[in-house]
Amino acid sequence: MTLGDASRLKEGDLVLLLSPAKGETYLVRLQPGAVQGSHLGKIPHDTILDSGYGETIYTHLGRPFLVLKPSLGEYTRRLKRNTQIIYPKEAGYLLLHLDVFPGATVVECGSGSGSFTTILATFVGPSGRVVSYERREPFSELARSNCERFGVADRVVFKVRDLDGGEGFDEEGADAVFLDLQNPWEYIPEAKRALAPGRRLGILVPTFNQIQQTLEALEANAFVQIEVVEILLRGYKTNPRRIRPEDLMVGHTGFLIFASSVTCAHPEVLVDAASNEACGTPSDVAPLAEDVGEEDGEVLPASRE
């Protein structure tokens, strides 16, 4: 076996071991001298360290396992948790619609078990920062531990604080804010103060009742471009001779709410979300898109995913 130094596994690496026969998988942090047990035999970590991603190793009973590089989704699905986590089907949509980018500052309220904290920290990169608020210290410590295990804890500032006490967020001008709370509508004013104008707020709630109260609070605090979505995920069996949907699917796990923060000098131009009619149009407002001629630039139609 010839592997470049960059391809070799080393102490502390995360690997996913897959049994091709049984489909069993194990997420393992490599430590010299340690042993991973399985139904198919023992797997010394030293054996894994002598291999590389994509290679085959064998248990002491001679049963094969494939060494794979775990995805971020695989890691967050398996991390230790005390709370419900953000599912991968929501996490990807959140990243796109919160516009999380390398170098961004993101404020999260509700660290939970650190699943989405880990994802945010991965995508803001080494130059970015995630500030994660949690009112329960044991949960904050678990979130920190899970971020450390994936190697991104140095990008996260963990703060234990109950915002009900009136302190609010310390940050201003954040590129994105995400609320994962039982009563997010009570924190909308604080989120607006923390968020840079024009940037996005994201919220996760599980019930219709929470959606209603959250929408009312967003309208009252001059948020626009409000969107509510639910994402359902259905997998398919991969037998090429019997392709069909899986018997079970990942259905409702939560509703996602998005909104953009604006500093409105003319509140009367905001759209009434309930009636979808403009409340008023001052004389200095630009003409509607359909009034702009081709010579003034291309008008792109809005689309929904």
Protein backbone atom coordinates (compact mmCIF):
# COMPACT_ATOMS: atom_id res chain seq x y z
CA MET A 1 0.00 0.00 0.00
CA THR A 2 1.33 3.42 -0.93
CA LEU A 3 -0.43 6.45 0.45
CA GLY A 4 0.68 10.06 0.45
CA ASP A 5 1.11 11.70 3.84
CA ALA A 6 -2.09 13.69 3.28
CA SER A 7 -4.03 10.47 2.65
CA ARG A 8 -2.83 8.50 5.65
CA LEU A 9 -5.04 8.16 8.69
CA LYS A 10 -3.73 9.50 11.97
CA GLU A 11 -4.64 9.57 15.64
CA GLY A 12 -7.83 11.54 16.27
CA ASP A 13 -9.29 11.07 12.79
CA LEU A 14 -12.96 10.14 12.45
CA VAL A 15 -13.74 7.12 10.27
CA LEU A 16 -16.92 5.33 9.33
CA LEU A 17 -16.59 1.55 9.27
CA LEU A 18 -19.09 -0.20 6.98
CA SER A 19 -19.78 -3.93 6.79
CA PRO A 20 -20.62 -4.66 3.13
CA ALA A 21 -22.35 -7.91 4.13
CA LYS A 22 -24.52 -6.67 7.02
CA GLY A 23 -24.73 -2.95 6.38
CA GLU A 24 -23.59 -2.25 9.95
CA THR A 25 -21.73 1.02 10.46
CA TYR A 26 -19.57 2.36 13.29
CA LEU A 27 -18.35 5.93 13.72
CA VAL A 28 -14.90 5.72 15.29
CA ARG A 29 -12.39 8.28 16.59
CA LEU A 30 -9.01 6.63 16.09
CA GLN A 31 -6.78 6.05 19.12
CA PRO A 32 -3.65 3.86 19.01
CA GLY A 33 -4.12 0.67 21.00
CA ALA A 34 -7.93 0.95 21.17
CA VAL A 35 -10.28 -1.73 19.84
CA GLN A 36 -13.71 -1.34 18.21
CA GLY A 37 -16.12 -4.19 18.92
CA SER A 38 -18.72 -5.41 16.44
CA HIS A 39 -21.03 -8.36 15.83
CA LEU A 40 -18.53 -9.52 13.23
CA GLY A 41 -15.44 -9.43 15.44
CA LYS A 42 -12.98 -7.01 17.00
CA ILE A 43 -11.30 -4.26 14.97
CA PRO A 44 -8.02 -2.90 16.38
CA HIS A 45 -7.63 0.83 15.77
CA ASP A 46 -4.01 0.17 14.81
CA THR A 47 -5.28 -1.88 11.88
CA ILE A 48 -7.41 1.06 10.73
CA LEU A 49 -4.50 3.47 11.19
CA ASP A 50 -2.39 1.31 8.86
CA SER A 51 -5.04 1.66 6.13
CA GLY A 52 -6.67 4.63 4.40
CA TYR A 53 -10.10 5.88 3.40
CA GLY A 54 -11.72 3.61 0.83
CA GLU A 55 -9.70 0.54 1.84
CA THR A 56 -10.78 -2.80 3.31
CA ILE A 57 -9.76 -4.09 6.72
CA TYR A 58 -10.65 -7.32 8.54
CA THR A 59 -11.84 -8.18 12.03
CA HIS A 60 -10.08 -10.83 14.12
CA LEU A 61 -12.66 -13.26 12.70
CA GLY A 62 -11.69 -12.37 9.14
CA ARG A 63 -14.85 -10.39 8.32
CA PRO A 64 -14.36 -7.36 6.03
CA PHE A 65 -15.14 -3.72 6.80
CA LEU A 66 -14.72 -0.74 4.50
CA VAL A 67 -13.01 2.39 5.85
CA LEU A 68 -14.97 5.48 4.76
CA LYS A 69 -14.73 9.20 5.48
CA PRO A 70 -17.88 10.17 7.45
CA SER A 71 -19.99 13.01 6.13
CA LEU A 72 -21.03 15.89 8.36
CA GLY A 73 -24.61 14.61 8.07
CA GLU A 74 -23.54 11.17 9.29
CA TYR A 75 -21.73 12.72 12.23
CA THR A 76 -24.59 14.96 13.36
CA ARG A 77 -27.06 12.08 13.03
CA ARG A 78 -25.00 10.00 15.47
CA LEU A 79 -23.78 12.54 18.01
CA LYS A 80 -24.69 12.24 21.67
CA ARG A 81 -27.86 14.17 22.34
CA ASN A 82 -30.16 15.31 25.13
CA THR A 83 -32.55 17.11 22.79
CA GLN A 84 -34.10 16.79 19.34
CA ILE A 85 -31.56 17.69 16.66
CA ILE A 86 -31.78 19.60 13.39
CA TYR A 87 -32.18 16.94 10.70
CA PRO A 88 -29.91 17.06 7.61
CA LYS A 89 -32.96 17.70 5.41
CA GLU A 90 -33.53 21.00 7.24
CA ALA A 91 -29.86 21.83 7.86
CA GLY A 92 -28.96 22.18 4.19
CA TYR A 93 -31.97 24.39 3.47
CA LEU A 94 -31.15 26.53 6.49
CA LEU A 95 -27.56 27.07 5.37
CA LEU A 96 -28.67 28.25 1.93
CA HIS A 97 -31.52 30.49 3.05
CA LEU A 98 -29.62 32.00 5.96
CA ASP A 99 -26.81 32.69 3.49
CA VAL A 100 -24.10 31.19 5.72
CA PHE A 101 -20.70 31.74 4.10
CA PRO A 102 -16.99 31.38 5.03
CA GLY A 103 -16.11 34.19 7.41
CA ALA A 104 -19.70 34.86 8.50
CA THR A 105 -20.80 35.64 12.05
CA VAL A 106 -23.87 33.62 12.99
CA VAL A 107 -25.83 33.91 16.24
CA GLU A 108 -27.70 30.79 17.36
CA CYS A 109 -30.13 30.71 20.26
CA GLY A 110 -30.83 27.22 21.55
CA SER A 111 -27.59 25.20 21.40
CA GLY A 112 -29.43 21.99 22.24
CA SER A 113 -27.02 19.10 21.67
CA GLY A 114 -24.86 21.05 19.25
CA SER A 115 -25.93 19.38 16.01
CA PHE A 116 -26.63 22.56 14.05
CA THR A 117 -23.89 24.39 15.95
CA THR A 118 -21.39 21.91 14.49
CA ILE A 119 -22.83 22.40 11.00
CA LEU A 120 -22.73 26.20 11.25
CA ALA A 121 -19.15 26.13 12.57
CA THR A 122 -18.09 23.93 9.67
CA PHE A 123 -19.53 26.27 7.05
CA VAL A 124 -18.37 29.60 8.51
CA GLY A 125 -14.84 28.22 8.29
CA PRO A 126 -11.74 29.11 10.30
CA SER A 127 -12.28 32.84 9.73
CA GLY A 128 -15.93 32.79 10.80
CA ARG A 129 -17.62 32.69 14.17
CA VAL A 130 -20.70 31.10 15.66
CA VAL A 131 -22.11 32.48 18.91
CA SER A 132 -24.37 29.88 20.50
CA TYR A 133 -26.69 30.80 23.38
CA GLU A 134 -28.20 28.17 25.68
CA ARG A 135 -29.91 28.70 29.02
CA ARG A 136 -29.09 25.22 30.39
CA GLU A 137 -25.41 24.72 31.21
CA PRO A 138 -25.40 20.89 30.80
CA PHE A 139 -26.78 21.28 27.27
CA SER A 140 -24.20 23.95 26.44
CA GLU A 141 -21.41 21.67 27.66
CA LEU A 142 -22.73 18.78 25.56
CA ALA A 143 -22.88 21.05 22.50
CA ARG A 144 -19.29 22.13 23.16
CA SER A 145 -18.20 18.49 23.48
CA ASN A 146 -19.86 17.52 20.19
CA CYS A 147 -18.24 20.48 18.41
CA GLU A 148 -14.85 19.51 19.87
CA ARG A 149 -15.25 15.96 18.63
CA PHE A 150 -15.72 17.21 15.08
CA GLY A 151 -12.84 19.67 15.46
CA VAL A 152 -14.72 22.97 15.09
CA ALA A 153 -15.16 24.14 18.69
CA ASP A 154 -12.53 26.86 18.24
CA ARG A 155 -14.95 28.65 15.91
CA VAL A 156 -17.79 28.74 18.47
CA VAL A 157 -18.38 31.03 21.44
CA PHE A 158 -20.69 29.26 23.89
CA LYS A 159 -22.76 31.47 26.18
CA VAL A 160 -25.00 30.22 28.98
CA ARG A 161 -27.77 32.77 29.35
CA ASP A 162 -31.53 32.91 29.77
CA LEU A 163 -32.59 35.74 27.47
CA ASP A 164 -35.85 35.98 29.39
CA GLY A 165 -33.82 37.89 31.95
CA GLY A 166 -33.74 40.85 29.59
CA GLU A 167 -30.02 40.84 28.80
CA GLY A 168 -30.50 39.98 25.13
CA PHE A 169 -27.76 39.16 22.64
CA ASP A 170 -24.34 40.78 22.96
CA GLU A 171 -23.79 40.82 19.19
CA GLU A 172 -24.73 43.42 16.59
CA GLY A 173 -24.38 43.28 12.83
CA ALA A 174 -24.52 39.47 12.63
CA ASP A 175 -24.75 37.93 9.17
CA ALA A 176 -27.47 35.49 10.29
CA VAL A 177 -29.51 34.64 13.37
CA PHE A 178 -31.15 31.29 14.06
CA LEU A 179 -33.73 30.63 16.80
CA ASP A 180 -34.57 27.11 17.95
CA LEU A 181 -36.82 27.87 20.92
CA GLN A 182 -40.23 26.99 22.26
CA ASN A 183 -41.36 30.64 22.13
CA PRO A 184 -39.31 32.33 19.38
CA TRP A 185 -41.81 35.18 18.93
CA GLU A 186 -40.67 36.61 22.26
CA TYR A 187 -37.10 36.94 20.95
CA ILE A 188 -37.81 38.60 17.59
CA PRO A 189 -36.90 42.12 18.82
CA GLU A 190 -33.62 40.82 20.24
CA ALA A 191 -32.89 38.95 17.01
CA LYS A 192 -33.49 42.13 15.00
CA ARG A 193 -31.05 44.11 17.15
CA ALA A 194 -28.39 41.43 16.67
CA LEU A 195 -28.90 41.09 12.90
CA ALA A 196 -27.36 43.32 10.26
CA PRO A 197 -29.93 45.13 8.08
CA GLY A 198 -30.90 43.12 5.04
CA ARG A 199 -29.66 39.85 6.51
CA ARG A 200 -31.70 36.75 7.32
CA LEU A 201 -33.38 35.33 10.39
CA GLY A 202 -34.22 31.62 10.54
CA ILE A 203 -36.54 29.90 13.02
CA LEU A 204 -37.49 26.28 13.66
CA VAL A 205 -40.84 25.41 15.27
CA PRO A 206 -42.75 22.11 15.37
CA THR A 207 -46.41 23.26 15.53
CA PHE A 208 -48.88 25.47 13.62
CA ASN A 209 -49.69 27.46 16.76
CA GLN A 210 -46.06 28.57 17.01
CA ILE A 211 -46.04 29.61 13.35
CA GLN A 212 -48.97 31.98 13.85
CA GLN A 213 -47.47 33.77 16.83
CA THR A 214 -44.07 33.98 15.15
CA LEU A 215 -45.51 35.50 11.96
CA GLU A 216 -47.35 38.13 13.95
CA ALA A 217 -44.12 39.07 15.76
CA LEU A 218 -42.15 39.24 12.50
CA GLU A 219 -44.68 41.63 10.94
CA ALA A 220 -44.72 43.76 14.08
CA ASN A 221 -40.91 44.11 13.96
CA ALA A 222 -40.56 45.15 10.29
CA PHE A 223 -39.32 41.86 8.84
CA VAL A 224 -39.99 41.20 5.16
CA GLN A 225 -39.58 38.37 2.64
CA ILE A 226 -41.23 36.05 5.15
CA GLU A 227 -41.36 32.38 4.20
CA VAL A 228 -42.65 29.23 5.90
CA VAL A 229 -41.68 25.81 4.58
CA GLU A 230 -41.88 22.15 5.58
CA ILE A 231 -39.41 19.66 4.12
CA LEU A 232 -40.29 15.99 3.69
CA LEU A 233 -37.71 13.37 2.72
CA ARG A 234 -38.43 10.02 1.07
CA GLY A 235 -35.66 7.57 0.31
CA TYR A 236 -35.68 4.75 -2.26
CA LYS A 237 -34.49 1.17 -2.03
CA THR A 238 -31.30 0.75 -4.06
CA ASN A 239 -31.79 -2.80 -5.35
CA PRO A 240 -31.58 -2.20 -9.14
CA ARG A 241 -34.07 -5.02 -9.75
CA ARG A 242 -36.64 -3.76 -7.23
CA ILE A 243 -36.45 0.04 -7.11
CA ARG A 244 -39.24 1.46 -4.98
CA PRO A 245 -39.72 3.90 -2.07
CA GLU A 246 -38.53 2.94 1.40
CA ASP A 247 -41.26 1.66 3.69
CA LEU A 248 -40.61 4.52 6.13
CA MET A 249 -39.85 8.16 5.38
CA VAL A 250 -38.60 11.14 7.35
CA GLY A 251 -41.80 13.14 7.53
CA HIS A 252 -42.62 16.14 9.69
CA THR A 253 -39.75 17.20 11.92
CA GLY A 254 -40.42 20.93 12.03
CA PHE A 255 -41.44 24.07 10.17
CA LEU A 256 -38.79 26.50 8.95
CA ILE A 257 -39.51 30.23 9.02
CA PHE A 258 -37.30 32.78 7.28
CA ALA A 259 -37.42 36.57 7.18
CA SER A 260 -35.19 39.49 6.21
CA SER A 261 -34.48 42.39 8.52
CA VAL A 262 -34.96 45.90 7.13
CA THR A 263 -34.59 49.41 8.43
CA CYS A 264 -37.75 50.95 7.05
CA ALA A 265 -37.78 54.72 6.70
CA HIS A 266 -41.27 54.49 5.18
CA PRO A 267 -43.18 51.79 7.15
CA GLU A 268 -46.19 52.31 4.89
CA VAL A 269 -44.38 50.59 1.98
CA LEU A 270 -44.17 47.28 3.82
CA VAL A 271 -46.46 44.59 2.47
CA ASP A 272 -49.29 43.38 4.65
CA ALA A 273 -48.50 39.66 4.72
CA ALA A 274 -52.07 38.72 5.57
CA SER A 275 -53.67 40.42 2.56
CA ASN A 276 -50.55 40.51 0.34
CA GLU A 277 -51.44 44.07 -0.66
CA ALA A 278 -49.16 47.10 -0.49
CA CYS A 279 -50.11 49.47 2.30
CA GLY A 280 -48.88 52.52 0.40
CA THR A 281 -46.27 53.73 -2.10
CA PRO A 282 -44.34 56.96 -1.48
CA SER A 283 -43.37 58.96 -4.55
CA ASP A 284 -39.68 58.12 -4.21
CA VAL A 285 -40.21 54.35 -4.47
CA ALA A 286 -38.85 52.73 -7.67
CA PRO A 287 -41.38 51.53 -10.30
CA LEU A 288 -42.67 47.98 -10.23
CA ALA A 289 -40.65 45.31 -12.01
CA GLU A 290 -43.13 45.00 -14.88
CA ASP A 291 -42.77 48.74 -15.62
CA VAL A 292 -39.01 48.47 -16.21
CA GLY A 293 -38.16 48.28 -19.91
CA GLU A 294 -35.62 45.93 -21.41
CA GLU A 295 -33.23 48.81 -21.90
CA ASP A 296 -33.18 49.39 -18.14
CA GLY A 297 -32.00 45.89 -17.34
CA GLU A 298 -33.22 42.33 -17.19
CA VAL A 299 -36.01 41.50 -14.75
CA LEU A 300 -35.77 37.98 -13.42
CA PRO A 301 -38.97 36.24 -12.34
CA ALA A 302 -39.17 35.03 -8.77
CA SER A 303 -39.08 31.30 -8.25
CA ARG A 304 -39.66 28.86 -5.43
CA GLU A 305 -37.80 25.67 -4.79
